[in-house]
Amino acid sequence: MVRATIQAAAAAVVATNSLRTPSAGNRRLLVVAAFVIAILAVYEPIRTSRKERRDARARVKHSKVLSALGAALSQIEEVTALSASEIGLQAFVIETKGWNRKKVLVRLARLRLAEMQPPSEIEWAEGKGVIGECWRVRRYHDFNFDELHSDQQAWDEGKWAALPESVTMRMSWTEFEQVRGRYGVIGAFPIVHAETSKLLGILAVDGGPGNYDNLTSGPVRKACASAAARIADLFTE
């Protein structure tokens, strides 16, 4: 955008300067265009430098979040019979997006050693899905997908629309199709600012069918809560 503005202003200078006898109006345009070029020529390097610093900070934060998730993964391995490839961990931060300033969860990092489908493209909002419900209630929340009807693979949009919100978790049929059959359990933990108690995001742990008891035990919840606290500390550095 800035580069395009500079180019447009430069074109105006060239066009105006090419006139043999510029009018008073054209001379004013020449001065304004030259002024715009000068200002933007200074601003562009500053903007680029700020972006580079912002990107560098984001990379450092991502690395530290992954470290916190990795520590939790190791602890979960120790207290369960599961291998690292059977466990998934993700961290999300609450951000404001769009012209309507809508608050959504944006993925900070994802740790999954086993090969799996890419993350869903669902825009998680307050009250939507397990992590959205954790956001809504501001405390730990889990869901046992094994308790869903065994015929869920045969559900269609009509069946989905007739189910209670306790099952649909405010997800549309299209959104459900993105996650159907992926999980046996998801546990979600709030990431809370230690000083202000502000909710910053959500940490989620997940596993396949039959792992509800394993991944909702006290030691696992303690490991995930500790990781959530470590991640929260990153927002106070």
C-alpha atoms as a PDB file:
ATOM      1  CA  MET A   1       0.000   0.000   0.000  1.00  0.00           C
ATOM      2  CA  VAL A   2       2.779   2.431   0.958  1.00  0.00           C
ATOM      3  CA  ARG A   3       4.817   1.514  -2.128  1.00  0.00           C
ATOM      4  CA  ALA A   4       1.791   2.047  -4.371  1.00  0.00           C
ATOM      5  CA  THR A   5       1.215   5.482  -2.816  1.00  0.00           C
ATOM      6  CA  ILE A   6       4.835   6.480  -3.424  1.00  0.00           C
ATOM      7  CA  GLN A   7       4.593   5.340  -7.035  1.00  0.00           C
ATOM      8  CA  ALA A   8       1.382   7.308  -7.571  1.00  0.00           C
ATOM      9  CA  ALA A   9       2.883  10.431  -6.047  1.00  0.00           C
ATOM     10  CA  ALA A  10       6.020  10.049  -8.138  1.00  0.00           C
ATOM     11  CA  ALA A  11       3.930   9.704 -11.272  1.00  0.00           C
ATOM     12  CA  ALA A  12       2.130  12.905 -10.365  1.00  0.00           C
ATOM     13  CA  VAL A  13       5.461  14.714  -9.960  1.00  0.00           C
ATOM     14  CA  VAL A  14       6.719  13.475 -13.316  1.00  0.00           C
ATOM     15  CA  ALA A  15       3.481  14.343 -15.106  1.00  0.00           C
ATOM     16  CA  THR A  16       3.319  17.814 -13.575  1.00  0.00           C
ATOM     17  CA  ASN A  17       6.993  18.568 -14.082  1.00  0.00           C
ATOM     18  CA  SER A  18       6.752  17.612 -17.753  1.00  0.00           C
ATOM     19  CA  LEU A  19       4.422  20.519 -18.406  1.00  0.00           C
ATOM     20  CA  ARG A  20       6.285  23.438 -19.964  1.00  0.00           C
ATOM     21  CA  THR A  21       4.349  26.066 -18.044  1.00  0.00           C
ATOM     22  CA  PRO A  22       2.637  24.448 -15.056  1.00  0.00           C
ATOM     23  CA  SER A  23      -0.370  26.321 -13.791  1.00  0.00           C
ATOM     24  CA  ALA A  24      -0.602  27.470 -10.188  1.00  0.00           C
ATOM     25  CA  GLY A  25      -2.761  24.447  -9.418  1.00  0.00           C
ATOM     26  CA  ASN A  26      -0.264  22.084 -11.014  1.00  0.00           C
ATOM     27  CA  ARG A  27       2.585  23.687  -9.097  1.00  0.00           C
ATOM     28  CA  ARG A  28       0.697  23.088  -5.868  1.00  0.00           C
ATOM     29  CA  LEU A  29       0.147  19.474  -6.905  1.00  0.00           C
ATOM     30  CA  LEU A  30       3.874  19.165  -7.583  1.00  0.00           C
ATOM     31  CA  VAL A  31       4.722  20.449  -4.106  1.00  0.00           C
ATOM     32  CA  VAL A  32       2.182  18.174  -2.403  1.00  0.00           C
ATOM     33  CA  ALA A  33       3.303  15.115  -4.362  1.00  0.00           C
ATOM     34  CA  ALA A  34       6.954  15.789  -3.571  1.00  0.00           C
ATOM     35  CA  PHE A  35       6.068  16.221   0.089  1.00  0.00           C
ATOM     36  CA  VAL A  36       4.169  12.913   0.112  1.00  0.00           C
ATOM     37  CA  ILE A  37       7.118  11.119  -1.485  1.00  0.00           C
ATOM     38  CA  ALA A  38       9.510  12.556   1.108  1.00  0.00           C
ATOM     39  CA  ILE A  39       7.302  11.566   4.058  1.00  0.00           C
ATOM     40  CA  LEU A  40       6.604   8.068   2.786  1.00  0.00           C
ATOM     41  CA  ALA A  41      10.221   7.483   1.848  1.00  0.00           C
ATOM     42  CA  VAL A  42      11.084   8.034   5.507  1.00  0.00           C
ATOM     43  CA  TYR A  43       8.102   6.099   6.841  1.00  0.00           C
ATOM     44  CA  GLU A  44       8.566   2.946   4.730  1.00  0.00           C
ATOM     45  CA  PRO A  45      11.888   1.847   6.327  1.00  0.00           C
ATOM     46  CA  ILE A  46      10.462   2.544   9.788  1.00  0.00           C
ATOM     47  CA  ARG A  47       7.370   0.475   9.035  1.00  0.00           C
ATOM     48  CA  THR A  48       9.479  -2.373   7.676  1.00  0.00           C
ATOM     49  CA  SER A  49      11.748  -2.294  10.713  1.00  0.00           C
ATOM     50  CA  ARG A  50       8.792  -2.407  13.089  1.00  0.00           C
ATOM     51  CA  LYS A  51       7.313  -5.355  11.228  1.00  0.00           C
ATOM     52  CA  GLU A  52      10.611  -7.230  11.367  1.00  0.00           C
ATOM     53  CA  ARG A  53      10.866  -6.643  15.124  1.00  0.00           C
ATOM     54  CA  ARG A  54       7.244  -7.713  15.601  1.00  0.00           C
ATOM     55  CA  ASP A  55       7.799 -10.874  13.566  1.00  0.00           C
ATOM     56  CA  ALA A  56      10.946 -11.667  15.556  1.00  0.00           C
ATOM     57  CA  ARG A  57       9.061 -11.306  18.843  1.00  0.00           C
ATOM     58  CA  ALA A  58       6.307 -13.572  17.509  1.00  0.00           C
ATOM     59  CA  ARG A  59       8.869 -16.246  16.581  1.00  0.00           C
ATOM     60  CA  VAL A  60      10.408 -16.107  20.044  1.00  0.00           C
ATOM     61  CA  LYS A  61       6.990 -16.365  21.697  1.00  0.00           C
ATOM     62  CA  HIS A  62       6.039 -19.300  19.461  1.00  0.00           C
ATOM     63  CA  SER A  63       9.246 -21.088  20.454  1.00  0.00           C
ATOM     64  CA  LYS A  64       8.576 -20.531  24.159  1.00  0.00           C
ATOM     65  CA  VAL A  65       4.963 -21.700  23.831  1.00  0.00           C
ATOM     66  CA  LEU A  66       6.160 -24.873  22.104  1.00  0.00           C
ATOM     67  CA  SER A  67       8.631 -25.386  24.942  1.00  0.00           C
ATOM     68  CA  ALA A  68       5.818 -25.155  27.503  1.00  0.00           C
ATOM     69  CA  LEU A  69       3.700 -27.609  25.507  1.00  0.00           C
ATOM     70  CA  GLY A  70       6.676 -29.954  25.179  1.00  0.00           C
ATOM     71  CA  ALA A  71       7.214 -29.969  28.943  1.00  0.00           C
ATOM     72  CA  ALA A  72       3.534 -30.802  29.470  1.00  0.00           C
ATOM     73  CA  LEU A  73       3.745 -33.578  26.880  1.00  0.00           C
ATOM     74  CA  SER A  74       6.683 -35.182  28.689  1.00  0.00           C
ATOM     75  CA  GLN A  75       4.846 -35.045  32.005  1.00  0.00           C
ATOM     76  CA  ILE A  76       1.698 -36.545  30.508  1.00  0.00           C
ATOM     77  CA  GLU A  77       3.735 -39.411  29.078  1.00  0.00           C
ATOM     78  CA  GLU A  78       5.145 -40.094  32.540  1.00  0.00           C
ATOM     79  CA  VAL A  79       1.774 -40.248  34.311  1.00  0.00           C
ATOM     80  CA  THR A  80      -0.200 -42.142  31.669  1.00  0.00           C
ATOM     81  CA  ALA A  81       0.260 -45.254  29.578  1.00  0.00           C
ATOM     82  CA  LEU A  82       0.171 -43.133  26.421  1.00  0.00           C
ATOM     83  CA  SER A  83       3.014 -42.422  24.044  1.00  0.00           C
ATOM     84  CA  ALA A  84       3.737 -38.900  22.802  1.00  0.00           C
ATOM     85  CA  SER A  85       2.290 -39.800  19.400  1.00  0.00           C
ATOM     86  CA  GLU A  86      -1.124 -40.372  21.012  1.00  0.00           C
ATOM     87  CA  ILE A  87      -1.323 -36.925  22.573  1.00  0.00           C
ATOM     88  CA  GLY A  88      -2.007 -33.526  21.049  1.00  0.00           C
ATOM     89  CA  LEU A  89      -1.489 -30.120  22.642  1.00  0.00           C
ATOM     90  CA  GLN A  90      -2.456 -26.698  21.354  1.00  0.00           C
ATOM     91  CA  ALA A  91      -2.382 -23.150  22.671  1.00  0.00           C
ATOM     92  CA  PHE A  92      -4.713 -20.382  21.543  1.00  0.00           C
ATOM     93  CA  VAL A  93      -4.786 -16.662  22.303  1.00  0.00           C
ATOM     94  CA  ILE A  94      -7.866 -14.428  22.283  1.00  0.00           C
ATOM     95  CA  GLU A  95      -7.618 -11.736  19.618  1.00  0.00           C
ATOM     96  CA  THR A  96      -9.956  -9.102  18.204  1.00  0.00           C
ATOM     97  CA  LYS A  97     -10.477  -9.310  14.451  1.00  0.00           C
ATOM     98  CA  GLY A  98     -12.469  -7.640  11.705  1.00  0.00           C
ATOM     99  CA  TRP A  99     -14.406  -4.431  11.349  1.00  0.00           C
ATOM    100  CA  ASN A 100     -16.904  -5.602  13.992  1.00  0.00           C
ATOM    101  CA  ARG A 101     -14.109  -6.224  16.535  1.00  0.00           C
ATOM    102  CA  LYS A 102     -15.115  -9.848  17.035  1.00  0.00           C
ATOM    103  CA  LYS A 103     -13.118 -11.795  19.614  1.00  0.00           C
ATOM    104  CA  VAL A 104     -11.850 -15.175  18.407  1.00  0.00           C
ATOM    105  CA  LEU A 105      -9.264 -17.763  19.392  1.00  0.00           C
ATOM    106  CA  VAL A 106      -6.116 -17.717  17.267  1.00  0.00           C
ATOM    107  CA  ARG A 107      -3.728 -20.671  17.416  1.00  0.00           C
ATOM    108  CA  LEU A 108      -0.344 -19.793  18.950  1.00  0.00           C
ATOM    109  CA  ALA A 109       1.232 -23.221  18.617  1.00  0.00           C
ATOM    110  CA  ARG A 110       0.363 -26.863  18.003  1.00  0.00           C
ATOM    111  CA  LEU A 111       2.330 -29.877  19.175  1.00  0.00           C
ATOM    112  CA  ARG A 112       1.473 -33.232  17.657  1.00  0.00           C
ATOM    113  CA  LEU A 113       4.135 -35.838  16.938  1.00  0.00           C
ATOM    114  CA  ALA A 114       1.877 -38.250  15.054  1.00  0.00           C
ATOM    115  CA  GLU A 115       0.941 -37.517  11.466  1.00  0.00           C
ATOM    116  CA  MET A 116      -2.557 -36.136  11.306  1.00  0.00           C
ATOM    117  CA  GLN A 117      -4.772 -33.974   9.184  1.00  0.00           C
ATOM    118  CA  PRO A 118      -3.961 -30.245   9.234  1.00  0.00           C
ATOM    119  CA  PRO A 119      -5.707 -28.133  11.884  1.00  0.00           C
ATOM    120  CA  SER A 120      -9.304 -27.287  11.142  1.00  0.00           C
ATOM    121  CA  GLU A 121     -10.099 -23.859   9.742  1.00  0.00           C
ATOM    122  CA  ILE A 122     -12.895 -23.321  12.231  1.00  0.00           C
ATOM    123  CA  GLU A 123     -12.965 -19.847  13.782  1.00  0.00           C
ATOM    124  CA  TRP A 124     -13.322 -20.709  17.455  1.00  0.00           C
ATOM    125  CA  ALA A 125     -15.371 -18.182  19.379  1.00  0.00           C
ATOM    126  CA  GLU A 126     -16.675 -17.963  22.913  1.00  0.00           C
ATOM    127  CA  GLY A 127     -19.033 -20.876  23.557  1.00  0.00           C
ATOM    128  CA  LYS A 128     -18.132 -22.781  20.365  1.00  0.00           C
ATOM    129  CA  GLY A 129     -16.616 -26.225  20.762  1.00  0.00           C
ATOM    130  CA  VAL A 130     -14.805 -27.492  23.842  1.00  0.00           C
ATOM    131  CA  ILE A 131     -12.253 -24.694  23.865  1.00  0.00           C
ATOM    132  CA  GLY A 132     -14.955 -22.092  23.262  1.00  0.00           C
ATOM    133  CA  GLU A 133     -16.939 -23.448  26.212  1.00  0.00           C
ATOM    134  CA  CYS A 134     -13.828 -23.233  28.395  1.00  0.00           C
ATOM    135  CA  TRP A 135     -13.623 -19.585  27.326  1.00  0.00           C
ATOM    136  CA  ARG A 136     -17.278 -19.030  28.215  1.00  0.00           C
ATOM    137  CA  VAL A 137     -17.133 -20.573  31.681  1.00  0.00           C
ATOM    138  CA  ARG A 138     -13.565 -19.367  32.426  1.00  0.00           C
ATOM    139  CA  ARG A 139     -12.539 -22.716  33.905  1.00  0.00           C
ATOM    140  CA  TYR A 140     -11.438 -26.208  32.917  1.00  0.00           C
ATOM    141  CA  HIS A 141     -13.811 -27.999  30.561  1.00  0.00           C
ATOM    142  CA  ASP A 142     -13.630 -31.376  28.833  1.00  0.00           C
ATOM    143  CA  PHE A 143     -15.730 -33.524  26.561  1.00  0.00           C
ATOM    144  CA  ASN A 144     -15.841 -37.292  26.083  1.00  0.00           C
ATOM    145  CA  PHE A 145     -16.493 -37.891  22.395  1.00  0.00           C
ATOM    146  CA  ASP A 146     -16.825 -41.618  23.077  1.00  0.00           C
ATOM    147  CA  GLU A 147     -20.202 -40.811  24.602  1.00  0.00           C
ATOM    148  CA  LEU A 148     -21.538 -39.560  21.289  1.00  0.00           C
ATOM    149  CA  HIS A 149     -23.765 -41.965  19.436  1.00  0.00           C
ATOM    150  CA  SER A 150     -21.697 -44.669  17.760  1.00  0.00           C
ATOM    151  CA  ASP A 151     -23.421 -43.915  14.478  1.00  0.00           C
ATOM    152  CA  GLN A 152     -22.080 -40.339  14.293  1.00  0.00           C
ATOM    153  CA  GLN A 153     -20.271 -41.133  11.042  1.00  0.00           C
ATOM    154  CA  ALA A 154     -23.701 -41.636   9.477  1.00  0.00           C
ATOM    155  CA  TRP A 155     -25.126 -38.322  10.709  1.00  0.00           C
ATOM    156  CA  ASP A 156     -26.295 -35.825   8.132  1.00  0.00           C
ATOM    157  CA  GLU A 157     -27.098 -32.139   8.341  1.00  0.00           C
ATOM    158  CA  GLY A 158     -30.711 -32.798   9.326  1.00  0.00           C
ATOM    159  CA  LYS A 159     -29.702 -35.096  12.176  1.00  0.00           C
ATOM    160  CA  TRP A 160     -27.140 -32.558  13.354  1.00  0.00           C
ATOM    161  CA  ALA A 161     -29.681 -29.741  13.423  1.00  0.00           C
ATOM    162  CA  ALA A 162     -31.953 -31.815  15.684  1.00  0.00           C
ATOM    163  CA  LEU A 163     -29.272 -32.516  18.291  1.00  0.00           C
ATOM    164  CA  PRO A 164     -29.111 -30.514  21.546  1.00  0.00           C
ATOM    165  CA  GLU A 165     -26.522 -27.764  21.975  1.00  0.00           C
ATOM    166  CA  SER A 166     -24.768 -29.891  24.605  1.00  0.00           C
ATOM    167  CA  VAL A 167     -23.715 -32.128  21.692  1.00  0.00           C
ATOM    168  CA  THR A 168     -23.327 -29.633  18.860  1.00  0.00           C
ATOM    169  CA  MET A 169     -21.458 -27.135  21.070  1.00  0.00           C
ATOM    170  CA  ARG A 170     -22.700 -24.326  18.799  1.00  0.00           C
ATOM    171  CA  MET A 171     -20.850 -25.718  15.788  1.00  0.00           C
ATOM    172  CA  SER A 172     -22.453 -25.691  12.386  1.00  0.00           C
ATOM    173  CA  TRP A 173     -22.768 -28.882  10.374  1.00  0.00           C
ATOM    174  CA  THR A 174     -19.911 -27.755   8.113  1.00  0.00           C
ATOM    175  CA  GLU A 175     -17.689 -27.179  11.137  1.00  0.00           C
ATOM    176  CA  PHE A 176     -18.582 -30.538  12.654  1.00  0.00           C
ATOM    177  CA  GLU A 177     -17.603 -32.271   9.424  1.00  0.00           C
ATOM    178  CA  GLN A 178     -14.084 -30.826   9.802  1.00  0.00           C
ATOM    179  CA  VAL A 179     -13.534 -32.485  13.199  1.00  0.00           C
ATOM    180  CA  ARG A 180     -15.780 -35.555  13.036  1.00  0.00           C
ATOM    181  CA  GLY A 181     -13.960 -38.692  14.142  1.00  0.00           C
ATOM    182  CA  ARG A 182     -10.704 -36.881  14.982  1.00  0.00           C
ATOM    183  CA  TYR A 183     -10.929 -36.996  18.764  1.00  0.00           C
ATOM    184  CA  GLY A 184     -11.915 -39.243  21.646  1.00  0.00           C
ATOM    185  CA  VAL A 185     -11.383 -36.555  24.263  1.00  0.00           C
ATOM    186  CA  ILE A 186     -10.520 -32.871  24.499  1.00  0.00           C
ATOM    187  CA  GLY A 187      -9.654 -31.064  27.711  1.00  0.00           C
ATOM    188  CA  ALA A 188      -9.394 -27.269  27.758  1.00  0.00           C
ATOM    189  CA  PHE A 189      -7.632 -25.059  30.282  1.00  0.00           C
ATOM    190  CA  PRO A 190      -7.873 -21.269  30.624  1.00  0.00           C
ATOM    191  CA  ILE A 191      -4.678 -19.260  30.183  1.00  0.00           C
ATOM    192  CA  VAL A 192      -5.056 -16.479  32.744  1.00  0.00           C
ATOM    193  CA  HIS A 193      -2.916 -13.414  33.420  1.00  0.00           C
ATOM    194  CA  ALA A 194      -1.384 -13.963  36.870  1.00  0.00           C
ATOM    195  CA  GLU A 195      -1.702 -10.331  37.953  1.00  0.00           C
ATOM    196  CA  THR A 196      -4.948  -9.136  36.386  1.00  0.00           C
ATOM    197  CA  SER A 197      -6.832 -12.477  36.153  1.00  0.00           C
ATOM    198  CA  LYS A 198      -7.658 -11.550  32.548  1.00  0.00           C
ATOM    199  CA  LEU A 199      -8.395 -14.519  30.304  1.00  0.00           C
ATOM    200  CA  LEU A 200      -5.690 -14.519  27.618  1.00  0.00           C
ATOM    201  CA  GLY A 201      -6.386 -17.768  25.790  1.00  0.00           C
ATOM    202  CA  ILE A 202      -6.933 -21.512  26.025  1.00  0.00           C
ATOM    203  CA  LEU A 203      -4.655 -24.541  26.209  1.00  0.00           C
ATOM    204  CA  ALA A 204      -6.113 -27.799  24.880  1.00  0.00           C
ATOM    205  CA  VAL A 205      -5.037 -31.420  25.226  1.00  0.00           C
ATOM    206  CA  ASP A 206      -6.590 -34.141  23.082  1.00  0.00           C
ATOM    207  CA  GLY A 207      -6.371 -37.843  22.382  1.00  0.00           C
ATOM    208  CA  GLY A 208      -8.047 -40.604  20.442  1.00  0.00           C
ATOM    209  CA  PRO A 209     -10.998 -42.832  21.377  1.00  0.00           C
ATOM    210  CA  GLY A 210     -10.815 -44.603  24.733  1.00  0.00           C
ATOM    211  CA  ASN A 211      -8.483 -42.049  26.341  1.00  0.00           C
ATOM    212  CA  TYR A 212     -10.946 -39.947  28.326  1.00  0.00           C
ATOM    213  CA  ASP A 213      -9.851 -41.271  31.731  1.00  0.00           C
ATOM    214  CA  ASN A 214      -6.175 -41.041  30.832  1.00  0.00           C
ATOM    215  CA  LEU A 215      -6.268 -37.423  29.689  1.00  0.00           C
ATOM    216  CA  THR A 216      -8.627 -36.027  32.333  1.00  0.00           C
ATOM    217  CA  SER A 217      -6.805 -37.435  35.373  1.00  0.00           C
ATOM    218  CA  GLY A 218      -5.513 -35.175  38.121  1.00  0.00           C
ATOM    219  CA  PRO A 219      -1.822 -35.428  37.155  1.00  0.00           C
ATOM    220  CA  VAL A 220      -2.563 -34.631  33.499  1.00  0.00           C
ATOM    221  CA  ARG A 221      -4.693 -31.655  34.465  1.00  0.00           C
ATOM    222  CA  LYS A 222      -1.895 -30.440  36.744  1.00  0.00           C
ATOM    223  CA  ALA A 223       0.672 -30.702  33.921  1.00  0.00           C
ATOM    224  CA  CYS A 224      -1.564 -28.789  31.506  1.00  0.00           C
ATOM    225  CA  ALA A 225      -2.456 -26.131  34.075  1.00  0.00           C
ATOM    226  CA  SER A 226       1.263 -25.606  34.726  1.00  0.00           C
ATOM    227  CA  ALA A 227       1.900 -25.179  30.978  1.00  0.00           C
ATOM    228  CA  ALA A 228      -0.983 -22.713  30.759  1.00  0.00           C
ATOM    229  CA  ALA A 229       0.582 -20.680  33.593  1.00  0.00           C
ATOM    230  CA  ARG A 230       3.970 -20.677  31.809  1.00  0.00           C
ATOM    231  CA  ILE A 231       2.339 -19.423  28.635  1.00  0.00           C
ATOM    232  CA  ALA A 232       0.465 -16.715  30.553  1.00  0.00           C
ATOM    233  CA  ASP A 233       3.791 -15.470  31.916  1.00  0.00           C
ATOM    234  CA  LEU A 234       4.940 -14.755  28.354  1.00  0.00           C
ATOM    235  CA  PHE A 235       2.366 -11.967  28.151  1.00  0.00           C
ATOM    236  CA  THR A 236       3.952 -10.151  31.100  1.00  0.00           C
ATOM    237  CA  GLU A 237       7.552 -10.211  29.821  1.00  0.00           C
END
